Amino acid sequence: MSSRLNPDDQKRVEQYLSAPQHQVERQPFKVWRLLLIIVIVTIGLGVLSRLLSRLVL
């Protein structure tokens, strides 16, 4: 894919992105951890909902 920027602008963009503050090491994305968090939050909200319904009724 060719860039729509002219060569000078493309060079400035590449310099900006290669700066040390833009080279942050990140941990790999963990799908199972996210799924576990979503399940725990869903169950927790369901339990909270049942407790609140017993208090109201």
PDB file of N, CA and C in Angstrom:
ATOM      1  N   MET A   1       0.852  -1.185   0.000  1.00  0.00           N
ATOM      2  CA  MET A   1       0.000   0.000   0.000  1.00  0.00           C
ATOM      3  C   MET A   1       0.891   1.238   0.000  1.00  0.00           C
ATOM      4  N   SER A   2       0.687   2.087  -0.955  1.00  0.00           N
ATOM      5  CA  SER A   2       1.506   3.286  -1.040  1.00  0.00           C
ATOM      6  C   SER A   2       0.934   4.374  -0.136  1.00  0.00           C
ATOM      7  N   SER A   3       1.824   5.212   0.339  1.00  0.00           N
ATOM      8  CA  SER A   3       1.423   6.297   1.221  1.00  0.00           C
ATOM      9  C   SER A   3       0.907   7.477   0.401  1.00  0.00           C
ATOM     10  N   ARG A   4      -0.070   8.174   0.963  1.00  0.00           N
ATOM     11  CA  ARG A   4      -0.581   9.363   0.293  1.00  0.00           C
ATOM     12  C   ARG A   4       0.214  10.601   0.679  1.00  0.00           C
ATOM     13  N   LEU A   5       1.157  10.437   1.608  1.00  0.00           N
ATOM     14  CA  LEU A   5       1.979  11.570   2.023  1.00  0.00           C
ATOM     15  C   LEU A   5       3.122  11.771   1.044  1.00  0.00           C
ATOM     16  N   ASN A   6       3.582  13.010   0.981  1.00  0.00           N
ATOM     17  CA  ASN A   6       4.775  13.213   0.161  1.00  0.00           C
ATOM     18  C   ASN A   6       5.977  12.668   0.935  1.00  0.00           C
ATOM     19  N   PRO A   7       7.080  12.414   0.273  1.00  0.00           N
ATOM     20  CA  PRO A   7       8.231  11.760   0.927  1.00  0.00           C
ATOM     21  C   PRO A   7       8.748  12.489   2.167  1.00  0.00           C
ATOM     22  N   ASP A   8       8.737  13.836   2.151  1.00  0.00           N
ATOM     23  CA  ASP A   8       9.223  14.581   3.324  1.00  0.00           C
ATOM     24  C   ASP A   8       8.313  14.359   4.534  1.00  0.00           C
ATOM     25  N   ASP A   9       7.001  14.413   4.314  1.00  0.00           N
ATOM     26  CA  ASP A   9       6.062  14.190   5.415  1.00  0.00           C
ATOM     27  C   ASP A   9       6.147  12.750   5.917  1.00  0.00           C
ATOM     28  N   GLN A  10       6.298  11.808   5.004  1.00  0.00           N
ATOM     29  CA  GLN A  10       6.409  10.404   5.398  1.00  0.00           C
ATOM     30  C   GLN A  10       7.658  10.184   6.253  1.00  0.00           C
ATOM     31  N   LYS A  11       8.741  10.865   5.892  1.00  0.00           N
ATOM     32  CA  LYS A  11       9.975  10.750   6.653  1.00  0.00           C
ATOM     33  C   LYS A  11       9.780  11.291   8.072  1.00  0.00           C
ATOM     34  N   ARG A  12       9.081  12.432   8.203  1.00  0.00           N
ATOM     35  CA  ARG A  12       8.813  13.000   9.531  1.00  0.00           C
ATOM     36  C   ARG A  12       7.931  12.088  10.363  1.00  0.00           C
ATOM     37  N   VAL A  13       6.952  11.458   9.744  1.00  0.00           N
ATOM     38  CA  VAL A  13       6.086  10.521  10.458  1.00  0.00           C
ATOM     39  C   VAL A  13       6.894   9.331  10.956  1.00  0.00           C
ATOM     40  N   GLU A  14       7.770   8.798  10.116  1.00  0.00           N
ATOM     41  CA  GLU A  14       8.594   7.660  10.520  1.00  0.00           C
ATOM     42  C   GLU A  14       9.557   8.034  11.639  1.00  0.00           C
ATOM     43  N   GLN A  15      10.112   9.247  11.608  1.00  0.00           N
ATOM     44  CA  GLN A  15      10.980   9.694  12.692  1.00  0.00           C
ATOM     45  C   GLN A  15      10.195   9.822  13.999  1.00  0.00           C
ATOM     46  N   TYR A  16       8.998  10.361  13.905  1.00  0.00           N
ATOM     47  CA  TYR A  16       8.152  10.525  15.091  1.00  0.00           C
ATOM     48  C   TYR A  16       7.822   9.166  15.702  1.00  0.00           C
ATOM     49  N   LEU A  17       7.448   8.216  14.874  1.00  0.00           N
ATOM     50  CA  LEU A  17       7.058   6.908  15.384  1.00  0.00           C
ATOM     51  C   LEU A  17       8.250   6.090  15.889  1.00  0.00           C
ATOM     52  N   SER A  18       9.442   6.394  15.419  1.00  0.00           N
ATOM     53  CA  SER A  18      10.612   5.652  15.882  1.00  0.00           C
ATOM     54  C   SER A  18      11.227   6.259  17.139  1.00  0.00           C
ATOM     55  N   ALA A  19      10.669   7.335  17.656  1.00  0.00           N
ATOM     56  CA  ALA A  19      11.176   7.956  18.883  1.00  0.00           C
ATOM     57  C   ALA A  19      10.994   6.992  20.060  1.00  0.00           C
ATOM     58  N   PRO A  20      11.869   7.066  21.065  1.00  0.00           N
ATOM     59  CA  PRO A  20      11.818   6.111  22.189  1.00  0.00           C
ATOM     60  C   PRO A  20      10.492   6.112  22.947  1.00  0.00           C
ATOM     61  N   GLN A  21       9.834   7.244  23.081  1.00  0.00           N
ATOM     62  CA  GLN A  21       8.581   7.277  23.830  1.00  0.00           C
ATOM     63  C   GLN A  21       7.449   6.546  23.108  1.00  0.00           C
ATOM     64  N   HIS A  22       7.639   6.224  21.839  1.00  0.00           N
ATOM     65  CA  HIS A  22       6.621   5.490  21.082  1.00  0.00           C
ATOM     66  C   HIS A  22       6.980   4.011  20.917  1.00  0.00           C
ATOM     67  N   GLN A  23       8.036   3.574  21.572  1.00  0.00           N
ATOM     68  CA  GLN A  23       8.489   2.189  21.469  1.00  0.00           C
ATOM     69  C   GLN A  23       8.248   1.464  22.796  1.00  0.00           C
ATOM     70  N   VAL A  24       7.043   1.475  23.285  1.00  0.00           N
ATOM     71  CA  VAL A  24       6.707   0.886  24.578  1.00  0.00           C
ATOM     72  C   VAL A  24       6.543  -0.621  24.418  1.00  0.00           C
ATOM     73  N   GLU A  25       7.228  -1.368  25.272  1.00  0.00           N
ATOM     74  CA  GLU A  25       7.078  -2.828  25.272  1.00  0.00           C
ATOM     75  C   GLU A  25       5.738  -3.175  25.915  1.00  0.00           C
ATOM     76  N   ARG A  26       4.980  -4.000  25.273  1.00  0.00           N
ATOM     77  CA  ARG A  26       3.675  -4.392  25.798  1.00  0.00           C
ATOM     78  C   ARG A  26       3.635  -5.890  25.991  1.00  0.00           C
ATOM     79  N   GLN A  27       2.883  -6.300  27.007  1.00  0.00           N
ATOM     80  CA  GLN A  27       2.709  -7.722  27.239  1.00  0.00           C
ATOM     81  C   GLN A  27       1.770  -8.270  26.177  1.00  0.00           C
ATOM     82  N   PRO A  28       1.889  -9.556  25.861  1.00  0.00           N
ATOM     83  CA  PRO A  28       0.975 -10.136  24.884  1.00  0.00           C
ATOM     84  C   PRO A  28      -0.468 -10.125  25.396  1.00  0.00           C
ATOM     85  N   PHE A  29      -1.387  -9.972  24.472  1.00  0.00           N
ATOM     86  CA  PHE A  29      -2.805  -9.932  24.822  1.00  0.00           C
ATOM     87  C   PHE A  29      -3.263 -11.318  25.253  1.00  0.00           C
ATOM     88  N   LYS A  30      -3.955 -11.387  26.385  1.00  0.00           N
ATOM     89  CA  LYS A  30      -4.396 -12.665  26.927  1.00  0.00           C
ATOM     90  C   LYS A  30      -5.915 -12.753  26.840  1.00  0.00           C
ATOM     91  N   VAL A  31      -6.383 -13.519  25.865  1.00  0.00           N
ATOM     92  CA  VAL A  31      -7.815 -13.643  25.610  1.00  0.00           C
ATOM     93  C   VAL A  31      -8.514 -14.311  26.784  1.00  0.00           C
ATOM     94  N   TRP A  32      -7.904 -15.347  27.347  1.00  0.00           N
ATOM     95  CA  TRP A  32      -8.563 -16.089  28.423  1.00  0.00           C
ATOM     96  C   TRP A  32      -8.728 -15.244  29.672  1.00  0.00           C
ATOM     97  N   ARG A  33      -7.779 -14.371  29.951  1.00  0.00           N
ATOM     98  CA  ARG A  33      -7.908 -13.486  31.117  1.00  0.00           C
ATOM     99  C   ARG A  33      -9.081 -12.535  30.918  1.00  0.00           C
ATOM    100  N   LEU A  34      -9.200 -11.975  29.725  1.00  0.00           N
ATOM    101  CA  LEU A  34     -10.316 -11.072  29.437  1.00  0.00           C
ATOM    102  C   LEU A  34     -11.644 -11.800  29.555  1.00  0.00           C
ATOM    103  N   LEU A  35     -11.720 -13.015  29.018  1.00  0.00           N
ATOM    104  CA  LEU A  35     -12.944 -13.799  29.100  1.00  0.00           C
ATOM    105  C   LEU A  35     -13.299 -14.093  30.553  1.00  0.00           C
ATOM    106  N   LEU A  36     -12.295 -14.439  31.364  1.00  0.00           N
ATOM    107  CA  LEU A  36     -12.531 -14.714  32.778  1.00  0.00           C
ATOM    108  C   LEU A  36     -13.049 -13.475  33.504  1.00  0.00           C
ATOM    109  N   ILE A  37     -12.475 -12.333  33.215  1.00  0.00           N
ATOM    110  CA  ILE A  37     -12.928 -11.088  33.842  1.00  0.00           C
ATOM    111  C   ILE A  37     -14.370 -10.782  33.452  1.00  0.00           C
ATOM    112  N   ILE A  38     -14.701 -10.973  32.194  1.00  0.00           N
ATOM    113  CA  ILE A  38     -16.071 -10.711  31.736  1.00  0.00           C
ATOM    114  C   ILE A  38     -17.055 -11.651  32.425  1.00  0.00           C
ATOM    115  N   VAL A  39     -16.700 -12.934  32.545  1.00  0.00           N
ATOM    116  CA  VAL A  39     -17.581 -13.908  33.203  1.00  0.00           C
ATOM    117  C   VAL A  39     -17.758 -13.550  34.674  1.00  0.00           C
ATOM    118  N   ILE A  40     -16.673 -13.193  35.365  1.00  0.00           N
ATOM    119  CA  ILE A  40     -16.766 -12.850  36.784  1.00  0.00           C
ATOM    120  C   ILE A  40     -17.628 -11.606  36.991  1.00  0.00           C
ATOM    121  N   VAL A  41     -17.444 -10.595  36.151  1.00  0.00           N
ATOM    122  CA  VAL A  41     -18.247  -9.376  36.273  1.00  0.00           C
ATOM    123  C   VAL A  41     -19.719  -9.676  36.006  1.00  0.00           C
ATOM    124  N   THR A  42     -20.004 -10.495  34.993  1.00  0.00           N
ATOM    125  CA  THR A  42     -21.391 -10.841  34.674  1.00  0.00           C
ATOM    126  C   THR A  42     -22.044 -11.596  35.818  1.00  0.00           C
ATOM    127  N   ILE A  43     -21.347 -12.583  36.381  1.00  0.00           N
ATOM    128  CA  ILE A  43     -21.893 -13.346  37.510  1.00  0.00           C
ATOM    129  C   ILE A  43     -22.072 -12.437  38.715  1.00  0.00           C
ATOM    130  N   GLY A  44     -21.093 -11.585  38.974  1.00  0.00           N
ATOM    131  CA  GLY A  44     -21.191 -10.658  40.106  1.00  0.00           C
ATOM    132  C   GLY A  44     -22.375  -9.720  39.979  1.00  0.00           C
ATOM    133  N   LEU A  45     -22.595  -9.184  38.802  1.00  0.00           N
ATOM    134  CA  LEU A  45     -23.744  -8.297  38.610  1.00  0.00           C
ATOM    135  C   LEU A  45     -25.061  -9.058  38.727  1.00  0.00           C
ATOM    136  N   GLY A  46     -25.085 -10.313  38.277  1.00  0.00           N
ATOM    137  CA  GLY A  46     -26.289 -11.128  38.424  1.00  0.00           C
ATOM    138  C   GLY A  46     -26.611 -11.389  39.885  1.00  0.00           C
ATOM    139  N   VAL A  47     -25.576 -11.713  40.666  1.00  0.00           N
ATOM    140  CA  VAL A  47     -25.779 -11.950  42.103  1.00  0.00           C
ATOM    141  C   VAL A  47     -26.237 -10.665  42.779  1.00  0.00           C
ATOM    142  N   LEU A  48     -25.618  -9.553  42.454  1.00  0.00           N
ATOM    143  CA  LEU A  48     -26.028  -8.265  43.020  1.00  0.00           C
ATOM    144  C   LEU A  48     -27.476  -7.948  42.655  1.00  0.00           C
ATOM    145  N   SER A  49     -27.864  -8.237  41.443  1.00  0.00           N
ATOM    146  CA  SER A  49     -29.231  -7.995  41.002  1.00  0.00           C
ATOM    147  C   SER A  49     -30.218  -8.830  41.812  1.00  0.00           C
ATOM    148  N   ARG A  50     -29.895 -10.108  42.050  1.00  0.00           N
ATOM    149  CA  ARG A  50     -30.778 -10.966  42.843  1.00  0.00           C
ATOM    150  C   ARG A  50     -30.872 -10.485  44.282  1.00  0.00           C
ATOM    151  N   LEU A  51     -29.752 -10.058  44.857  1.00  0.00           N
ATOM    152  CA  LEU A  51     -29.780  -9.557  46.228  1.00  0.00           C
ATOM    153  C   LEU A  51     -30.634  -8.293  46.335  1.00  0.00           C
ATOM    154  N   LEU A  52     -30.490  -7.395  45.378  1.00  0.00           N
ATOM    155  CA  LEU A  52     -31.286  -6.179  45.390  1.00  0.00           C
ATOM    156  C   LEU A  52     -32.768  -6.461  45.190  1.00  0.00           C
ATOM    157  N   SER A  53     -33.089  -7.457  44.368  1.00  0.00           N
ATOM    158  CA  SER A  53     -34.497  -7.771  44.146  1.00  0.00           C
ATOM    159  C   SER A  53     -35.114  -8.362  45.406  1.00  0.00           C
ATOM    160  N   ARG A  54     -34.351  -9.125  46.190  1.00  0.00           N
ATOM    161  CA  ARG A  54     -34.890  -9.667  47.440  1.00  0.00           C
ATOM    162  C   ARG A  54     -35.086  -8.569  48.457  1.00  0.00           C
ATOM    163  N   LEU A  55     -34.248  -7.544  48.446  1.00  0.00           N
ATOM    164  CA  LEU A  55     -34.411  -6.434  49.383  1.00  0.00           C
ATOM    165  C   LEU A  55     -35.637  -5.595  49.037  1.00  0.00           C
ATOM    166  N   VAL A  56     -35.920  -5.454  47.774  1.00  0.00           N
ATOM    167  CA  VAL A  56     -37.033  -4.617  47.329  1.00  0.00           C
ATOM    168  C   VAL A  56     -38.361  -5.348  47.492  1.00  0.00           C
ATOM    169  N   LEU A  57     -38.375  -6.630  47.170  1.00  0.00           N
ATOM    170  CA  LEU A  57     -39.641  -7.376  47.215  1.00  0.00           C
ATOM    171  C   LEU A  57     -39.959  -7.924  48.554  1.00  0.00           C
TER     172      LEU A  57
END
